[in-house]
C-alpha atoms as a PDB file:
ATOM      1  CA  MET A   1       0.000   0.000   0.000  1.00  0.00           C
ATOM      2  CA  ALA A   2       2.904   2.391   0.611  1.00  0.00           C
ATOM      3  CA  ASP A   3       3.780   2.277  -3.102  1.00  0.00           C
ATOM      4  CA  PHE A   4       0.253   3.366  -4.021  1.00  0.00           C
ATOM      5  CA  LEU A   5       0.400   6.264  -1.565  1.00  0.00           C
ATOM      6  CA  ARG A   6       3.763   7.409  -2.973  1.00  0.00           C
ATOM      7  CA  TYR A   7       2.363   7.074  -6.523  1.00  0.00           C
ATOM      8  CA  THR A   8      -0.690   9.172  -5.642  1.00  0.00           C
ATOM      9  CA  ARG A   9       1.367  11.809  -3.828  1.00  0.00           C
ATOM     10  CA  ASP A  10       3.810  12.154  -6.730  1.00  0.00           C
ATOM     11  CA  LEU A  11       1.013  12.314  -9.301  1.00  0.00           C
ATOM     12  CA  ILE A  12      -0.701  15.100  -7.324  1.00  0.00           C
ATOM     13  CA  HIS A  13       2.650  16.923  -7.107  1.00  0.00           C
ATOM     14  CA  ARG A  14       3.026  16.723 -10.912  1.00  0.00           C
ATOM     15  CA  ARG A  15      -0.485  18.115 -11.372  1.00  0.00           C
ATOM     16  CA  ARG A  16       0.371  21.085  -9.156  1.00  0.00           C
ATOM     17  CA  ALA A  17       3.764  21.633 -10.814  1.00  0.00           C
ATOM     18  CA  LEU A  18       2.469  21.502 -14.398  1.00  0.00           C
ATOM     19  CA  PRO A  19      -0.229  24.148 -15.001  1.00  0.00           C
ATOM     20  CA  ALA A  20      -1.292  22.496 -18.261  1.00  0.00           C
ATOM     21  CA  LEU A  21      -2.615  19.507 -16.291  1.00  0.00           C
ATOM     22  CA  ARG A  22      -5.120  21.894 -14.701  1.00  0.00           C
ATOM     23  CA  ALA A  23      -5.906  23.979 -17.800  1.00  0.00           C
ATOM     24  CA  GLU A  24      -9.181  23.877 -19.718  1.00  0.00           C
ATOM     25  CA  PRO A  25      -8.105  23.068 -23.295  1.00  0.00           C
ATOM     26  CA  ILE A  26      -7.877  19.377 -24.081  1.00  0.00           C
ATOM     27  CA  VAL A  27      -7.427  17.363 -27.254  1.00  0.00           C
ATOM     28  CA  VAL A  28      -8.271  13.684 -26.928  1.00  0.00           C
ATOM     29  CA  TYR A  29      -6.388  11.418 -29.316  1.00  0.00           C
ATOM     30  CA  PRO A  30      -8.292   8.876 -31.391  1.00  0.00           C
ATOM     31  CA  SER A  31      -8.610   5.706 -29.338  1.00  0.00           C
ATOM     32  CA  ASP A  32      -6.445   2.709 -30.181  1.00  0.00           C
ATOM     33  CA  PRO A  33      -8.503  -0.324 -29.106  1.00  0.00           C
ATOM     34  CA  ALA A  34      -6.080  -2.790 -30.719  1.00  0.00           C
ATOM     35  CA  ASN A  35      -3.222  -1.642 -28.451  1.00  0.00           C
ATOM     36  CA  ARG A  36      -5.482  -0.438 -25.622  1.00  0.00           C
ATOM     37  CA  VAL A  37      -3.862   3.013 -25.503  1.00  0.00           C
ATOM     38  CA  LEU A  38      -5.563   6.298 -24.611  1.00  0.00           C
ATOM     39  CA  ALA A  39      -3.917   9.721 -24.824  1.00  0.00           C
ATOM     40  CA  TYR A  40      -4.704  13.401 -24.538  1.00  0.00           C
ATOM     41  CA  GLN A  41      -2.969  16.765 -24.785  1.00  0.00           C
ATOM     42  CA  ARG A  42      -3.486  19.790 -22.556  1.00  0.00           C
ATOM     43  CA  TRP A  43      -1.909  23.253 -22.573  1.00  0.00           C
ATOM     44  CA  VAL A  44      -2.098  26.697 -20.986  1.00  0.00           C
ATOM     45  CA  PRO A  45      -3.832  29.139 -23.392  1.00  0.00           C
ATOM     46  CA  GLY A  46      -1.452  31.847 -24.546  1.00  0.00           C
ATOM     47  CA  ALA A  47       1.536  30.225 -22.845  1.00  0.00           C
ATOM     48  CA  GLY A  48       1.747  26.734 -24.298  1.00  0.00           C
ATOM     49  CA  ARG A  49       3.477  24.599 -21.647  1.00  0.00           C
ATOM     50  CA  ASP A  50       1.931  21.556 -23.316  1.00  0.00           C
ATOM     51  CA  VAL A  51       1.641  18.133 -21.737  1.00  0.00           C
ATOM     52  CA  VAL A  52       0.722  14.821 -23.319  1.00  0.00           C
ATOM     53  CA  VAL A  53      -0.718  12.088 -21.094  1.00  0.00           C
ATOM     54  CA  VAL A  54      -0.593   8.473 -22.270  1.00  0.00           C
ATOM     55  CA  ILE A  55      -2.548   5.682 -20.575  1.00  0.00           C
ATOM     56  CA  SER A  56      -1.961   2.032 -21.397  1.00  0.00           C
ATOM     57  CA  LEU A  57      -4.469  -0.658 -20.504  1.00  0.00           C
ATOM     58  CA  ASN A  58      -2.347  -3.231 -22.328  1.00  0.00           C
ATOM     59  CA  GLU A  59      -0.964  -6.211 -20.413  1.00  0.00           C
ATOM     60  CA  SER A  60       2.307  -5.975 -22.373  1.00  0.00           C
ATOM     61  CA  THR A  61       4.885  -3.227 -22.826  1.00  0.00           C
ATOM     62  CA  LEU A  62       4.663  -1.539 -26.222  1.00  0.00           C
ATOM     63  CA  THR A  63       7.953  -0.547 -27.866  1.00  0.00           C
ATOM     64  CA  GLY A  64       8.315   1.804 -30.807  1.00  0.00           C
ATOM     65  CA  TYR A  65       4.726   3.001 -30.379  1.00  0.00           C
ATOM     66  CA  ARG A  66       4.299   6.025 -32.654  1.00  0.00           C
ATOM     67  CA  LEU A  67       2.390   8.834 -30.891  1.00  0.00           C
ATOM     68  CA  GLY A  68       1.590  12.280 -32.274  1.00  0.00           C
ATOM     69  CA  PHE A  69       2.931  15.409 -30.578  1.00  0.00           C
ATOM     70  CA  PRO A  70       1.815  19.017 -31.133  1.00  0.00           C
ATOM     71  CA  ARG A  71       5.323  20.347 -31.760  1.00  0.00           C
ATOM     72  CA  PRO A  72       8.732  18.972 -32.668  1.00  0.00           C
ATOM     73  CA  GLY A  73      11.655  18.632 -30.308  1.00  0.00           C
ATOM     74  CA  ARG A  74      12.372  16.990 -26.990  1.00  0.00           C
ATOM     75  CA  TRP A  75       9.563  16.078 -24.629  1.00  0.00           C
ATOM     76  CA  SER A  76      10.503  15.163 -21.047  1.00  0.00           C
ATOM     77  CA  GLU A  77       8.926  12.097 -19.477  1.00  0.00           C
ATOM     78  CA  VAL A  78       7.968  13.746 -16.176  1.00  0.00           C
ATOM     79  CA  PHE A  79       5.895  10.859 -14.794  1.00  0.00           C
ATOM     80  CA  ASN A  80       6.032   7.115 -15.369  1.00  0.00           C
ATOM     81  CA  SER A  81       3.801   4.908 -13.228  1.00  0.00           C
ATOM     82  CA  ASP A  82       5.980   1.849 -13.954  1.00  0.00           C
ATOM     83  CA  TYR A  83       8.536   3.313 -11.531  1.00  0.00           C
ATOM     84  CA  TYR A  84       6.126   2.605  -8.666  1.00  0.00           C
ATOM     85  CA  ASP A  85       5.734  -1.098  -9.422  1.00  0.00           C
ATOM     86  CA  HIS A  86       7.667  -2.552  -6.452  1.00  0.00           C
ATOM     87  CA  PHE A  87       9.051   0.921  -5.676  1.00  0.00           C
ATOM     88  CA  PRO A  88      11.611   1.788  -6.738  1.00  0.00           C
ATOM     89  CA  ASN A  89      11.407  -0.466  -9.755  1.00  0.00           C
ATOM     90  CA  PRO A  90      14.959  -1.181 -11.004  1.00  0.00           C
ATOM     91  CA  TRP A  91      13.562  -2.459 -14.334  1.00  0.00           C
ATOM     92  CA  VAL A  92      11.402   0.510 -15.301  1.00  0.00           C
ATOM     93  CA  ALA A  93      10.150   0.352 -18.867  1.00  0.00           C
ATOM     94  CA  GLY A  94      10.089   3.825 -20.306  1.00  0.00           C
ATOM     95  CA  ASN A  95      11.811   6.440 -22.376  1.00  0.00           C
ATOM     96  CA  HIS A  96      14.938   7.259 -20.346  1.00  0.00           C
ATOM     97  CA  GLY A  97      13.568  10.616 -19.261  1.00  0.00           C
ATOM     98  CA  GLY A  98      12.039  11.719 -22.537  1.00  0.00           C
ATOM     99  CA  GLY A  99      11.597  11.367 -26.248  1.00  0.00           C
ATOM    100  CA  TRP A 100      12.081  13.287 -29.471  1.00  0.00           C
ATOM    101  CA  ALA A 101       9.104  14.287 -31.582  1.00  0.00           C
ATOM    102  CA  ASP A 102      10.983  14.152 -34.852  1.00  0.00           C
ATOM    103  CA  GLY A 103       8.899  11.650 -36.787  1.00  0.00           C
ATOM    104  CA  PRO A 104       6.085  12.007 -39.298  1.00  0.00           C
ATOM    105  CA  GLY A 105       2.731  13.369 -38.219  1.00  0.00           C
ATOM    106  CA  THR A 106       0.080  11.091 -36.742  1.00  0.00           C
ATOM    107  CA  HIS A 107      -3.064  11.305 -34.573  1.00  0.00           C
ATOM    108  CA  GLY A 108      -3.874  14.678 -36.146  1.00  0.00           C
ATOM    109  CA  PHE A 109      -0.552  16.253 -35.090  1.00  0.00           C
ATOM    110  CA  GLY A 110       2.310  17.311 -37.341  1.00  0.00           C
ATOM    111  CA  HIS A 111       4.996  15.400 -35.443  1.00  0.00           C
ATOM    112  CA  SER A 112       5.431  12.096 -33.662  1.00  0.00           C
ATOM    113  CA  ALA A 113       7.787  10.187 -31.389  1.00  0.00           C
ATOM    114  CA  ALA A 114       8.486   6.470 -31.073  1.00  0.00           C
ATOM    115  CA  LEU A 115       7.823   5.620 -27.428  1.00  0.00           C
ATOM    116  CA  THR A 116       8.083   2.729 -25.041  1.00  0.00           C
ATOM    117  CA  ILE A 117       4.797   2.462 -23.172  1.00  0.00           C
ATOM    118  CA  PRO A 118       4.916   0.154 -20.140  1.00  0.00           C
ATOM    119  CA  ALA A 119       2.111  -2.323 -19.504  1.00  0.00           C
ATOM    120  CA  ASN A 120      -0.813  -0.899 -17.497  1.00  0.00           C
ATOM    121  CA  SER A 121       0.775   2.503 -17.126  1.00  0.00           C
ATOM    122  CA  VAL A 122       0.346   6.255 -17.054  1.00  0.00           C
ATOM    123  CA  LEU A 123       2.998   8.453 -18.695  1.00  0.00           C
ATOM    124  CA  VAL A 124       3.142  12.249 -18.694  1.00  0.00           C
ATOM    125  CA  PHE A 125       5.305  14.131 -21.190  1.00  0.00           C
ATOM    126  CA  ALA A 126       6.011  17.868 -20.900  1.00  0.00           C
ATOM    127  CA  ALA A 127       7.352  20.111 -23.644  1.00  0.00           C
ATOM    128  CA  ASP A 128      10.958  21.158 -23.011  1.00  0.00           C
END
């Protein structure tokens, strides 16, 4: 239970630290029922500070998953729920702190990144 409490505390901290997670605008990505992935983008109007949240309901880790991003460049992985699986998880599946949106457009966005999405996870990416 302590891992869940740490997870919840850290997720609340991220929400307070990233204004876009509390902002009104939201773009929900098209659902991907085959891979069981959900995603959405939020931002602060007039300031940007975009975040992209990715939720996996898949029982397996997805590697090389192509996800659209609203702008090119580096996106920091600021939250990865896989870290809390047997905290601290020494075998975290993730993106080594971030990813590069330098690929072709997808999901209605002009850019994309190839990501590792852990099984049954929540990832939060913030624009650098």
